[in-house]
């Protein structure tokens, strides 16, 4: 079992009161305190578990759409090309199958041309496009891994949503904003899951 790593550069009271004035006073204080408490908890969570900002998430979605559109609007790509595009923190992952080395190189070139692209990871396989069975296996494996990660709780706070799982031909790509320790813990769990032949870490590290 192999684990490949790619570094970037390369996201809660009840009570009774006889005095009605005191009752409303207490209720008012609760109304004031609860939002403050919520803000404190939110800030604390952000410090412990860094996430992509809303702007970064939007940029990633825009970039993903742009790369997909660039590739599939190019006449060199046809029905026999099956290219998955996933984006995290401006890092573009290309996975799946394409018909030639020329198309493989072209996919990288098109992805690199997008304004928001930081880096391109091209793991396209030159060969026959995966059929329905292959796609179903990829989806099943991704769902299985997400379920196990949620159960295993490899990340503090059971926040498995911080990890993006991409599966292609028994290779699993891990994307997310994590510490090195968290990334290694997730990869160790994933590499021992049945059906996984290779793990590729494409994390953005917080430390």
C-alpha atoms as a PDB file:
ATOM      1  CA  UNK A   1       0.000   0.000   0.000  1.00  0.00           C
ATOM      2  CA  UNK A   2       1.454   3.362  -1.012  1.00  0.00           C
ATOM      3  CA  UNK A   3       0.756   6.803   0.319  1.00  0.00           C
ATOM      4  CA  UNK A   4       1.818   9.684  -1.900  1.00  0.00           C
ATOM      5  CA  UNK A   5       2.096  13.123  -0.343  1.00  0.00           C
ATOM      6  CA  UNK A   6       1.938  16.426  -2.188  1.00  0.00           C
ATOM      7  CA  UNK A   7       2.633  19.599  -0.231  1.00  0.00           C
ATOM      8  CA  UNK A   8       1.077  22.959  -1.140  1.00  0.00           C
ATOM      9  CA  UNK A   9       3.113  25.567  -2.934  1.00  0.00           C
ATOM     10  CA  UNK A  10       2.498  22.716  -4.722  1.00  0.00           C
ATOM     11  CA  UNK A  11     -12.144  24.169   5.476  1.00  0.00           C
ATOM     12  CA  UNK A  12     -26.421  25.048  24.190  1.00  0.00           C
ATOM     13  CA  UNK A  13     -31.667  26.466  30.843  1.00  0.00           C
ATOM     14  CA  UNK A  14     -34.735  26.666  32.497  1.00  0.00           C
ATOM     15  CA  UNK A  15     -35.794  28.267  35.724  1.00  0.00           C
ATOM     16  CA  UNK A  16     -38.827  29.641  37.599  1.00  0.00           C
ATOM     17  CA  UNK A  17     -39.273  33.049  39.229  1.00  0.00           C
ATOM     18  CA  UNK A  18     -42.071  34.291  41.520  1.00  0.00           C
ATOM     19  CA  UNK A  19     -41.323  37.931  40.724  1.00  0.00           C
ATOM     20  CA  UNK A  20     -42.372  38.707  37.152  1.00  0.00           C
ATOM     21  CA  UNK A  21     -39.904  41.604  36.902  1.00  0.00           C
ATOM     22  CA  UNK A  22     -37.013  39.352  37.841  1.00  0.00           C
ATOM     23  CA  UNK A  23     -38.280  36.741  35.416  1.00  0.00           C
ATOM     24  CA  UNK A  24     -38.121  39.095  32.448  1.00  0.00           C
ATOM     25  CA  UNK A  25     -34.822  40.480  33.630  1.00  0.00           C
ATOM     26  CA  UNK A  26     -33.321  36.995  33.662  1.00  0.00           C
ATOM     27  CA  UNK A  27     -34.814  36.202  30.270  1.00  0.00           C
ATOM     28  CA  UNK A  28     -33.323  39.370  28.855  1.00  0.00           C
ATOM     29  CA  UNK A  29     -29.900  38.537  30.221  1.00  0.00           C
ATOM     30  CA  UNK A  30     -30.119  35.105  28.625  1.00  0.00           C
ATOM     31  CA  UNK A  31     -31.027  36.633  25.291  1.00  0.00           C
ATOM     32  CA  UNK A  32     -27.984  38.868  25.530  1.00  0.00           C
ATOM     33  CA  UNK A  33     -25.609  36.178  26.793  1.00  0.00           C
ATOM     34  CA  UNK A  34     -26.501  33.398  24.386  1.00  0.00           C
ATOM     35  CA  UNK A  35     -25.331  35.225  21.232  1.00  0.00           C
ATOM     36  CA  UNK A  36     -22.158  36.242  23.035  1.00  0.00           C
ATOM     37  CA  UNK A  37     -21.557  32.638  24.071  1.00  0.00           C
ATOM     38  CA  UNK A  38     -22.237  31.460  20.543  1.00  0.00           C
ATOM     39  CA  UNK A  39     -19.690  33.916  19.170  1.00  0.00           C
ATOM     40  CA  UNK A  40     -17.089  32.776  21.684  1.00  0.00           C
ATOM     41  CA  UNK A  41     -17.658  29.136  20.778  1.00  0.00           C
ATOM     42  CA  UNK A  42     -17.525  29.948  17.070  1.00  0.00           C
ATOM     43  CA  UNK A  43     -14.277  31.863  17.401  1.00  0.00           C
ATOM     44  CA  UNK A  44     -12.814  29.064  19.477  1.00  0.00           C
ATOM     45  CA  UNK A  45     -13.796  26.504  16.869  1.00  0.00           C
ATOM     46  CA  UNK A  46     -12.224  28.588  14.122  1.00  0.00           C
ATOM     47  CA  UNK A  47      -8.951  28.753  16.009  1.00  0.00           C
ATOM     48  CA  UNK A  48      -8.865  25.007  16.672  1.00  0.00           C
ATOM     49  CA  UNK A  49     -10.230  23.896  13.305  1.00  0.00           C
ATOM     50  CA  UNK A  50      -9.244  26.297  10.497  1.00  0.00           C
ATOM     51  CA  UNK A  51     -11.604  26.298   7.551  1.00  0.00           C
ATOM     52  CA  UNK A  52     -11.674  27.848   4.136  1.00  0.00           C
ATOM     53  CA  UNK A  53     -13.266  31.275   4.161  1.00  0.00           C
ATOM     54  CA  UNK A  54     -16.552  31.781   2.319  1.00  0.00           C
ATOM     55  CA  UNK A  55     -14.641  33.748  -0.317  1.00  0.00           C
ATOM     56  CA  UNK A  56     -12.170  30.895  -0.852  1.00  0.00           C
ATOM     57  CA  UNK A  57     -14.991  28.366  -1.163  1.00  0.00           C
ATOM     58  CA  UNK A  58     -16.647  30.547  -3.799  1.00  0.00           C
ATOM     59  CA  UNK A  59     -13.348  31.031  -5.648  1.00  0.00           C
ATOM     60  CA  UNK A  60     -12.808  27.259  -5.664  1.00  0.00           C
ATOM     61  CA  UNK A  61     -16.280  26.675  -7.102  1.00  0.00           C
ATOM     62  CA  UNK A  62     -15.716  29.287  -9.798  1.00  0.00           C
ATOM     63  CA  UNK A  63     -12.315  27.804 -10.652  1.00  0.00           C
ATOM     64  CA  UNK A  64     -13.690  24.266 -10.813  1.00  0.00           C
ATOM     65  CA  UNK A  65     -16.441  25.331 -13.211  1.00  0.00           C
ATOM     66  CA  UNK A  66     -13.965  27.288 -15.346  1.00  0.00           C
ATOM     67  CA  UNK A  67     -11.562  24.359 -15.689  1.00  0.00           C
ATOM     68  CA  UNK A  68     -14.348  21.882 -16.475  1.00  0.00           C
ATOM     69  CA  UNK A  69     -15.738  24.248 -19.093  1.00  0.00           C
ATOM     70  CA  UNK A  70     -12.305  24.840 -20.644  1.00  0.00           C
ATOM     71  CA  UNK A  71     -11.582  21.139 -20.960  1.00  0.00           C
ATOM     72  CA  UNK A  72     -14.926  19.941 -22.264  1.00  0.00           C
ATOM     73  CA  UNK A  73     -15.372  22.831 -24.672  1.00  0.00           C
ATOM     74  CA  UNK A  74     -12.024  21.987 -26.286  1.00  0.00           C
ATOM     75  CA  UNK A  75     -12.566  19.910 -29.427  1.00  0.00           C
ATOM     76  CA  UNK A  76      -9.595  17.665 -28.614  1.00  0.00           C
ATOM     77  CA  UNK A  77     -11.628  16.061 -25.839  1.00  0.00           C
ATOM     78  CA  UNK A  78     -14.480  13.726 -26.641  1.00  0.00           C
ATOM     79  CA  UNK A  79     -16.818  11.102 -25.201  1.00  0.00           C
ATOM     80  CA  UNK A  80     -13.923   8.728 -24.457  1.00  0.00           C
ATOM     81  CA  UNK A  81     -12.323  11.212 -22.067  1.00  0.00           C
ATOM     82  CA  UNK A  82     -13.480  11.006 -18.474  1.00  0.00           C
ATOM     83  CA  UNK A  83     -11.825  13.808 -16.500  1.00  0.00           C
ATOM     84  CA  UNK A  84     -12.700  14.601 -12.911  1.00  0.00           C
ATOM     85  CA  UNK A  85     -11.908  18.116 -11.744  1.00  0.00           C
ATOM     86  CA  UNK A  86     -11.729  18.906  -8.031  1.00  0.00           C
ATOM     87  CA  UNK A  87     -10.470  22.157  -6.514  1.00  0.00           C
ATOM     88  CA  UNK A  88      -9.358  23.034  -2.987  1.00  0.00           C
ATOM     89  CA  UNK A  89      -7.576  26.253  -2.014  1.00  0.00           C
ATOM     90  CA  UNK A  90      -6.791  26.939  -5.670  1.00  0.00           C
ATOM     91  CA  UNK A  91      -5.168  23.519  -6.183  1.00  0.00           C
ATOM     92  CA  UNK A  92      -6.711  21.738  -9.165  1.00  0.00           C
ATOM     93  CA  UNK A  93      -6.831  17.943  -9.187  1.00  0.00           C
ATOM     94  CA  UNK A  94      -7.322  16.184 -12.526  1.00  0.00           C
ATOM     95  CA  UNK A  95      -8.182  12.499 -12.211  1.00  0.00           C
ATOM     96  CA  UNK A  96      -9.822   9.869 -14.382  1.00  0.00           C
ATOM     97  CA  UNK A  97      -9.003   8.698 -17.899  1.00  0.00           C
ATOM     98  CA  UNK A  98      -8.058  10.324 -21.191  1.00  0.00           C
ATOM     99  CA  UNK A  99      -7.287   8.913 -24.623  1.00  0.00           C
ATOM    100  CA  UNK A 100      -3.723  10.180 -25.161  1.00  0.00           C
ATOM    101  CA  UNK A 101      -0.639  11.748 -23.630  1.00  0.00           C
ATOM    102  CA  UNK A 102      -1.380  14.824 -25.727  1.00  0.00           C
ATOM    103  CA  UNK A 103      -4.785  15.203 -24.087  1.00  0.00           C
ATOM    104  CA  UNK A 104      -3.251  14.644 -20.688  1.00  0.00           C
ATOM    105  CA  UNK A 105      -0.791  17.480 -21.238  1.00  0.00           C
ATOM    106  CA  UNK A 106      -3.492  19.701 -22.729  1.00  0.00           C
ATOM    107  CA  UNK A 107      -5.703  19.223 -19.667  1.00  0.00           C
ATOM    108  CA  UNK A 108      -2.876  20.504 -17.472  1.00  0.00           C
ATOM    109  CA  UNK A 109      -2.293  23.484 -19.758  1.00  0.00           C
ATOM    110  CA  UNK A 110      -5.962  24.465 -19.743  1.00  0.00           C
ATOM    111  CA  UNK A 111      -6.191  24.144 -15.953  1.00  0.00           C
ATOM    112  CA  UNK A 112      -3.069  26.265 -15.488  1.00  0.00           C
ATOM    113  CA  UNK A 113      -4.491  29.052 -17.657  1.00  0.00           C
ATOM    114  CA  UNK A 114      -7.301  29.796 -15.207  1.00  0.00           C
ATOM    115  CA  UNK A 115      -6.603  32.978 -13.242  1.00  0.00           C
ATOM    116  CA  UNK A 116      -7.325  31.492  -9.809  1.00  0.00           C
ATOM    117  CA  UNK A 117      -5.203  28.339 -10.256  1.00  0.00           C
ATOM    118  CA  UNK A 118      -2.337  27.985  -7.777  1.00  0.00           C
ATOM    119  CA  UNK A 119      -1.186  24.547  -8.826  1.00  0.00           C
ATOM    120  CA  UNK A 120      -2.321  21.576 -10.924  1.00  0.00           C
ATOM    121  CA  UNK A 121      -2.075  17.930  -9.865  1.00  0.00           C
ATOM    122  CA  UNK A 122      -2.539  15.828 -12.993  1.00  0.00           C
ATOM    123  CA  UNK A 123      -3.106  12.145 -12.202  1.00  0.00           C
ATOM    124  CA  UNK A 124      -4.972  11.311 -15.395  1.00  0.00           C
ATOM    125  CA  UNK A 125      -4.509   7.787 -16.717  1.00  0.00           C
ATOM    126  CA  UNK A 126      -4.079   7.329 -20.455  1.00  0.00           C
ATOM    127  CA  UNK A 127      -6.406   4.532 -21.380  1.00  0.00           C
ATOM    128  CA  UNK A 128      -9.978   3.405 -21.829  1.00  0.00           C
ATOM    129  CA  UNK A 129     -12.685   5.382 -20.097  1.00  0.00           C
ATOM    130  CA  UNK A 130     -14.181   3.740 -17.017  1.00  0.00           C
ATOM    131  CA  UNK A 131     -17.582   2.238 -17.663  1.00  0.00           C
ATOM    132  CA  UNK A 132     -20.688   2.498 -15.515  1.00  0.00           C
ATOM    133  CA  UNK A 133     -19.384  -0.205 -13.188  1.00  0.00           C
ATOM    134  CA  UNK A 134     -16.146   1.682 -12.620  1.00  0.00           C
ATOM    135  CA  UNK A 135     -17.984   4.926 -11.858  1.00  0.00           C
ATOM    136  CA  UNK A 136     -20.300   3.117  -9.460  1.00  0.00           C
ATOM    137  CA  UNK A 137     -17.298   1.611  -7.685  1.00  0.00           C
ATOM    138  CA  UNK A 138     -15.720   5.057  -7.354  1.00  0.00           C
ATOM    139  CA  UNK A 139     -18.895   6.501  -5.846  1.00  0.00           C
ATOM    140  CA  UNK A 140     -19.304   3.531  -3.519  1.00  0.00           C
ATOM    141  CA  UNK A 141     -15.693   3.763  -2.333  1.00  0.00           C
ATOM    142  CA  UNK A 142     -15.987   7.508  -1.686  1.00  0.00           C
ATOM    143  CA  UNK A 143     -19.176   7.030   0.319  1.00  0.00           C
ATOM    144  CA  UNK A 144     -17.604   4.177   2.282  1.00  0.00           C
ATOM    145  CA  UNK A 145     -14.544   6.236   3.165  1.00  0.00           C
ATOM    146  CA  UNK A 146     -16.603   9.241   4.254  1.00  0.00           C
ATOM    147  CA  UNK A 147     -18.687   6.995   6.488  1.00  0.00           C
ATOM    148  CA  UNK A 148     -15.631   5.390   8.096  1.00  0.00           C
ATOM    149  CA  UNK A 149     -13.890   8.735   8.644  1.00  0.00           C
ATOM    150  CA  UNK A 150     -16.983  10.032  10.403  1.00  0.00           C
ATOM    151  CA  UNK A 151     -17.037   6.956  12.645  1.00  0.00           C
ATOM    152  CA  UNK A 152     -13.299   6.842  13.317  1.00  0.00           C
ATOM    153  CA  UNK A 153     -13.220  10.561  14.224  1.00  0.00           C
ATOM    154  CA  UNK A 154      -9.677  11.165  12.991  1.00  0.00           C
ATOM    155  CA  UNK A 155     -10.125  14.930  13.252  1.00  0.00           C
ATOM    156  CA  UNK A 156     -10.888  16.872  16.448  1.00  0.00           C
ATOM    157  CA  UNK A 157     -14.577  17.627  16.807  1.00  0.00           C
ATOM    158  CA  UNK A 158     -15.576  14.766  14.513  1.00  0.00           C
ATOM    159  CA  UNK A 159     -15.407  17.263  11.671  1.00  0.00           C
ATOM    160  CA  UNK A 160     -15.000  14.897   8.733  1.00  0.00           C
ATOM    161  CA  UNK A 161     -16.465  17.573   6.441  1.00  0.00           C
ATOM    162  CA  UNK A 162     -13.020  19.205   6.436  1.00  0.00           C
ATOM    163  CA  UNK A 163     -11.776  16.395   4.192  1.00  0.00           C
ATOM    164  CA  UNK A 164     -12.687  16.075   0.519  1.00  0.00           C
ATOM    165  CA  UNK A 165     -12.481  12.514  -0.804  1.00  0.00           C
ATOM    166  CA  UNK A 166     -11.997  11.810  -4.505  1.00  0.00           C
ATOM    167  CA  UNK A 167     -11.830   8.210  -5.755  1.00  0.00           C
ATOM    168  CA  UNK A 168     -10.682   7.002  -9.164  1.00  0.00           C
ATOM    169  CA  UNK A 169      -9.737   3.431 -10.083  1.00  0.00           C
ATOM    170  CA  UNK A 170      -9.001   2.412  -6.461  1.00  0.00           C
ATOM    171  CA  UNK A 171      -6.828   5.501  -5.906  1.00  0.00           C
ATOM    172  CA  UNK A 172      -8.058   7.861  -3.204  1.00  0.00           C
ATOM    173  CA  UNK A 173      -7.137  11.540  -3.209  1.00  0.00           C
ATOM    174  CA  UNK A 174      -7.338  13.446   0.063  1.00  0.00           C
ATOM    175  CA  UNK A 175      -7.877  17.194   0.004  1.00  0.00           C
ATOM    176  CA  UNK A 176      -8.526  19.518   2.925  1.00  0.00           C
ATOM    177  CA  UNK A 177      -7.158  22.082   5.354  1.00  0.00           C
ATOM    178  CA  UNK A 178      -5.443  20.130   8.130  1.00  0.00           C
ATOM    179  CA  UNK A 179      -2.324  19.896  10.272  1.00  0.00           C
ATOM    180  CA  UNK A 180       0.371  17.393   9.298  1.00  0.00           C
ATOM    181  CA  UNK A 181      -0.659  15.173  12.212  1.00  0.00           C
ATOM    182  CA  UNK A 182      -4.317  15.249  11.184  1.00  0.00           C
ATOM    183  CA  UNK A 183      -3.440  14.524   7.556  1.00  0.00           C
ATOM    184  CA  UNK A 184      -1.294  11.543   8.503  1.00  0.00           C
ATOM    185  CA  UNK A 185      -4.043  10.186  10.782  1.00  0.00           C
ATOM    186  CA  UNK A 186      -6.658  10.417   8.021  1.00  0.00           C
ATOM    187  CA  UNK A 187      -4.343   8.827   5.447  1.00  0.00           C
ATOM    188  CA  UNK A 188      -3.557   5.944   7.819  1.00  0.00           C
ATOM    189  CA  UNK A 189      -7.261   5.170   8.230  1.00  0.00           C
ATOM    190  CA  UNK A 190      -7.999   5.428   4.509  1.00  0.00           C
ATOM    191  CA  UNK A 191      -5.101   3.235   3.358  1.00  0.00           C
ATOM    192  CA  UNK A 192      -6.460   0.354   5.478  1.00  0.00           C
ATOM    193  CA  UNK A 193      -9.940   0.466   3.975  1.00  0.00           C
ATOM    194  CA  UNK A 194     -10.848  -2.388   1.661  1.00  0.00           C
ATOM    195  CA  UNK A 195     -10.813  -1.395  -2.003  1.00  0.00           C
ATOM    196  CA  UNK A 196      -8.153   1.301  -1.583  1.00  0.00           C
ATOM    197  CA  UNK A 197      -4.942   0.560  -3.471  1.00  0.00           C
ATOM    198  CA  UNK A 198      -3.228   3.945  -3.269  1.00  0.00           C
ATOM    199  CA  UNK A 199      -3.642   7.127  -1.235  1.00  0.00           C
ATOM    200  CA  UNK A 200      -2.534  10.523  -2.528  1.00  0.00           C
ATOM    201  CA  UNK A 201      -2.422  13.403  -0.042  1.00  0.00           C
ATOM    202  CA  UNK A 202      -3.092  16.820  -1.556  1.00  0.00           C
ATOM    203  CA  UNK A 203      -3.633  18.633   1.711  1.00  0.00           C
ATOM    204  CA  UNK A 204      -3.137  22.291   2.536  1.00  0.00           C
ATOM    205  CA  UNK A 205      -1.352  22.262   5.862  1.00  0.00           C
ATOM    206  CA  UNK A 206      -1.993  24.632   8.733  1.00  0.00           C
ATOM    207  CA  UNK A 207       1.391  24.048  10.401  1.00  0.00           C
END
